[in-house]
Protein backbone atom coordinates (compact mmCIF):
# COMPACT_ATOMS: atom_id res chain seq x y z
CA MET A 1 -0.03 -0.01 0.12
CA ALA A 2 1.21 3.55 -0.91
CA HIS A 3 1.86 5.94 2.17
CA PRO A 4 -0.52 8.84 1.80
CA SER A 5 0.57 12.36 3.10
CA ILE A 6 -1.87 13.19 5.72
CA ALA A 7 -2.00 16.77 7.50
CA ILE A 8 -3.34 16.74 11.21
CA ILE A 9 -4.74 20.24 11.90
CA ASP A 10 -3.48 21.50 15.27
CA PRO A 11 -6.76 22.88 16.97
CA GLY A 12 -4.80 24.42 20.00
CA MET A 13 -5.98 21.77 22.32
CA GLY A 14 -6.13 17.86 23.18
CA ASN A 15 -3.62 15.14 22.66
CA LEU A 16 -2.34 15.37 18.92
CA ARG A 17 0.47 13.01 19.24
CA SER A 18 -1.72 9.91 20.05
CA VAL A 19 -3.58 10.83 16.81
CA LEU A 20 -0.23 11.30 14.95
CA ARG A 21 1.11 8.16 16.30
CA ALA A 22 -1.91 6.13 15.48
CA PHE A 23 -1.93 7.43 11.90
CA GLN A 24 1.76 6.71 11.40
CA HIS A 25 1.24 3.38 12.86
CA CYS A 26 -1.46 2.68 10.29
CA GLY A 27 1.02 3.44 7.30
CA ALA A 28 0.47 7.11 6.31
CA ASP A 29 3.27 9.80 6.13
CA ALA A 30 1.39 12.02 8.89
CA GLN A 31 2.60 15.37 10.24
CA ILE A 32 0.84 18.11 12.23
CA ILE A 33 0.38 21.35 10.60
CA LYS A 34 -0.26 24.75 12.68
CA SER A 35 -1.07 26.87 9.53
CA PRO A 36 -3.41 26.05 6.34
CA ASP A 37 -0.86 26.78 3.77
CA LEU A 38 0.92 23.50 5.17
CA ALA A 39 -2.17 21.33 3.81
CA ASP A 40 -0.86 22.29 0.21
CA GLY A 41 -0.34 19.04 -1.60
CA LYS A 42 -1.55 16.62 0.99
CA ASP A 43 -3.91 13.63 0.32
CA ALA A 44 -5.91 14.07 3.43
CA LEU A 45 -6.80 16.29 6.08
CA ILE A 46 -7.43 15.41 9.92
CA PHE A 47 -9.27 17.21 12.20
CA PRO A 48 -8.90 15.96 15.63
CA GLY A 49 -10.42 17.76 18.80
CA GLN A 50 -10.87 17.65 22.50
CA GLY A 51 -11.90 20.27 24.80
CA ALA A 52 -14.30 23.31 24.67
CA ILE A 53 -15.82 23.99 21.13
CA VAL A 54 -15.76 27.72 21.96
CA ASP A 55 -11.88 27.81 22.11
CA CYS A 56 -11.71 25.43 19.20
CA MET A 57 -13.76 27.69 16.93
CA LYS A 58 -11.77 30.96 18.13
CA HIS A 59 -8.54 28.83 17.13
CA LEU A 60 -9.84 27.94 13.62
CA VAL A 61 -11.04 31.57 13.02
CA SER A 62 -7.92 33.04 14.29
CA THR A 63 -5.55 30.71 11.98
CA GLY A 64 -7.75 30.66 8.84
CA PHE A 65 -8.43 26.88 9.21
CA ASP A 66 -11.89 27.74 9.20
CA GLN A 67 -11.82 28.46 5.67
CA LEU A 68 -9.51 25.83 4.90
CA LEU A 69 -12.08 23.14 6.12
CA ARG A 70 -14.97 24.80 4.30
CA GLU A 71 -12.98 24.50 1.07
CA TRP A 72 -11.63 21.29 1.66
CA ILE A 73 -14.73 19.48 2.39
CA ALA A 74 -16.57 21.35 -0.34
CA ALA A 75 -14.00 19.99 -2.89
CA ASN A 76 -14.74 16.51 -1.55
CA ARG A 77 -11.16 15.97 -0.69
CA HIS A 78 -10.33 13.09 1.89
CA PHE A 79 -11.02 14.28 5.49
CA PHE A 80 -11.35 12.62 8.81
CA GLY A 81 -12.81 14.53 11.92
CA ILE A 82 -12.47 13.23 15.40
CA CYS A 83 -14.60 14.32 18.51
CA LEU A 84 -14.98 18.38 18.26
CA GLY A 85 -13.59 17.47 14.84
CA LEU A 86 -17.02 16.32 14.04
CA GLN A 87 -19.01 18.73 16.19
CA ALA A 88 -17.49 22.07 14.85
CA LEU A 89 -18.81 20.75 11.31
CA PHE A 90 -22.14 21.72 11.91
CA GLU A 91 -24.22 24.84 12.57
CA HIS A 92 -24.32 25.35 16.33
CA SER A 93 -23.35 24.08 19.60
CA GLU A 94 -25.38 24.58 22.97
CA GLU A 95 -21.89 24.73 24.62
CA GLY A 96 -21.18 28.41 24.89
CA ASP A 97 -24.09 29.17 22.53
CA THR A 98 -21.14 28.62 19.62
CA THR A 99 -21.58 29.10 15.85
CA GLY A 100 -19.87 26.21 14.20
CA LEU A 101 -18.69 25.83 10.72
CA GLY A 102 -22.00 25.14 9.25
CA ILE A 103 -20.59 22.91 6.48
CA PHE A 104 -23.58 20.61 7.49
CA PRO A 105 -27.09 21.29 8.89
CA GLY A 106 -27.59 20.11 12.33
CA ARG A 107 -26.75 21.29 16.12
CA VAL A 108 -24.92 19.93 19.06
CA VAL A 109 -26.56 19.59 22.18
CA ARG A 110 -26.01 18.67 26.04
CA PHE A 111 -26.95 15.18 27.44
CA ARG A 112 -29.96 15.52 29.63
CA LEU A 113 -30.10 12.13 31.33
CA PRO A 114 -31.21 10.77 34.73
CA ALA A 115 -29.02 11.63 37.50
CA ARG A 116 -27.57 7.88 37.50
CA TYR A 117 -25.75 8.62 34.11
CA LYS A 118 -22.49 10.18 34.19
CA ILE A 119 -21.82 13.49 32.25
CA PRO A 120 -19.40 13.54 30.51
CA HIS A 121 -19.92 10.38 28.81
CA MET A 122 -16.68 8.74 29.07
CA GLY A 123 -15.47 5.22 28.38
CA TRP A 124 -16.56 2.56 25.95
CA ASN A 125 -19.80 2.37 24.18
CA ASP A 126 -21.23 0.52 21.35
CA ALA A 127 -21.12 2.42 17.95
CA GLY A 128 -22.84 0.89 15.00
CA PHE A 129 -22.67 1.23 11.29
CA VAL A 130 -25.73 2.07 9.43
CA GLU A 131 -26.77 -0.04 6.44
CA GLY A 132 -24.52 0.00 3.35
CA ALA A 133 -21.84 2.08 5.50
CA PRO A 134 -18.24 2.42 4.02
CA LEU A 135 -15.00 1.60 5.55
CA ILE A 136 -16.22 -1.52 7.22
CA LYS A 137 -13.34 -3.95 6.15
CA ASP A 138 -12.53 -6.31 9.37
CA LEU A 139 -15.13 -4.55 11.38
CA ASN A 140 -18.21 -5.91 12.91
CA LYS A 141 -21.32 -4.17 12.45
CA SER A 142 -21.36 -2.96 16.13
CA GLU A 143 -18.11 -2.51 17.95
CA GLN A 144 -17.07 -0.91 21.27
CA TYR A 145 -15.09 2.76 20.77
CA TYR A 146 -13.86 5.14 23.33
CA PHE A 147 -16.01 8.27 23.94
CA VAL A 148 -15.38 11.38 26.06
CA HIS A 149 -18.07 14.03 25.47
CA SER A 150 -20.82 15.93 27.32
CA TYR A 151 -22.67 17.15 23.89
CA TYR A 152 -24.06 14.90 21.23
CA LEU A 153 -24.83 15.64 17.34
CA ASP A 154 -28.52 16.15 16.80
CA GLN A 155 -28.70 16.37 12.87
CA PRO A 156 -31.75 16.12 10.78
CA ASN A 157 -30.53 13.99 7.90
CA PRO A 158 -30.17 10.25 8.20
CA ASN A 159 -28.39 10.01 4.93
CA LEU A 160 -25.38 11.71 6.58
CA ASP A 161 -25.11 9.12 9.24
CA TRP A 162 -22.18 6.47 9.30
CA PHE A 163 -22.45 5.17 12.88
CA ARG A 164 -25.18 5.49 15.49
CA SER A 165 -24.88 5.09 19.14
CA GLU A 166 -27.02 5.17 22.38
CA TYR A 167 -26.34 6.31 25.78
CA GLY A 168 -28.63 6.64 28.63
CA GLY A 169 -31.74 5.77 26.41
CA GLN A 170 -30.42 8.87 24.20
CA PRO A 171 -29.85 7.75 20.60
CA PHE A 172 -27.51 9.87 18.72
CA THR A 173 -25.40 10.00 15.53
CA SER A 174 -21.80 9.07 16.51
CA GLY A 175 -20.36 9.09 13.14
CA ILE A 176 -21.09 10.88 9.85
CA VAL A 177 -20.15 10.24 5.98
CA ARG A 178 -20.58 12.42 2.88
CA GLY A 179 -18.43 11.64 0.02
CA ASN A 180 -14.74 11.64 1.26
CA CYS A 181 -15.66 13.36 4.35
CA PHE A 182 -15.69 11.03 7.56
CA ALA A 183 -16.06 12.11 11.11
CA THR A 184 -16.58 10.36 14.32
CA GLN A 185 -17.80 11.51 17.77
CA PHE A 186 -15.58 8.71 19.41
CA HIS A 187 -11.76 8.67 19.49
CA PRO A 188 -10.27 5.79 17.08
CA GLU A 189 -6.72 6.36 18.47
CA LYS A 190 -8.12 5.42 21.87
CA SER A 191 -10.14 2.50 20.83
CA GLN A 192 -7.52 -0.16 20.42
CA ALA A 193 -7.60 -2.73 17.61
CA LYS A 194 -11.02 -1.75 16.20
CA GLY A 195 -10.10 1.97 16.05
CA LEU A 196 -6.61 1.54 14.37
CA GLN A 197 -8.50 -0.50 11.76
CA LEU A 198 -11.00 2.12 11.06
CA TYR A 199 -8.02 4.31 10.54
CA ARG A 200 -6.32 1.79 8.19
CA ASN A 201 -9.58 1.59 6.05
CA PHE A 202 -9.57 5.23 5.78
CA ILE A 203 -6.13 5.28 4.51
CA ALA A 204 -6.88 2.52 1.98
CA HIS A 205 -9.52 4.62 0.93
CA VAL A 206 -7.52 7.67 0.40
CA THR A 207 -5.02 5.45 -1.73
CA GLY A 208 -7.96 4.16 -3.94
CA SER A 209 -7.33 0.29 -2.44
CA LEU A 210 -10.33 0.16 -0.69
């Protein structure tokens, strides 16, 4: 398999090194970038995120990554978003009453669950592929992946769904796909073998071998 060149956006927060190491381990020529111009010539763009969406969006706007993301996804170039890298693609988040990138319609809302359910939702949870989902090679229809989030995606278009999950009786979209744009609420890099397999499948998709 060829080694695609992958740019990992530095969103100003979170553990980027674990994402970098995961993609390198899976066969990509990956590097962290701190400015949009460094994405020139790359085969794929990765948007990891962990923390508050308010700070994340401020950083994207101040660096120009917001415009890069809109243009990259509009051009149907290969993209993978993780956690906040999924949430920020949508119109609005209840967290800090924050305006997102608005690439897709939908909003991010806080879990409102009985007190016995801990918020943030942290740990292993089922995430199931929807029917006909891509990038499923060597994965079961439903696997356990690692989540860390207090807010979830409430979006109106079932055709965007890639994964679906449920926590405390609340169903939610835990992964989206549109063309070459993929994003997950969970962290594949923290999800052991099945998370790395998902990254391998994405890399194979980038190279055209899957």
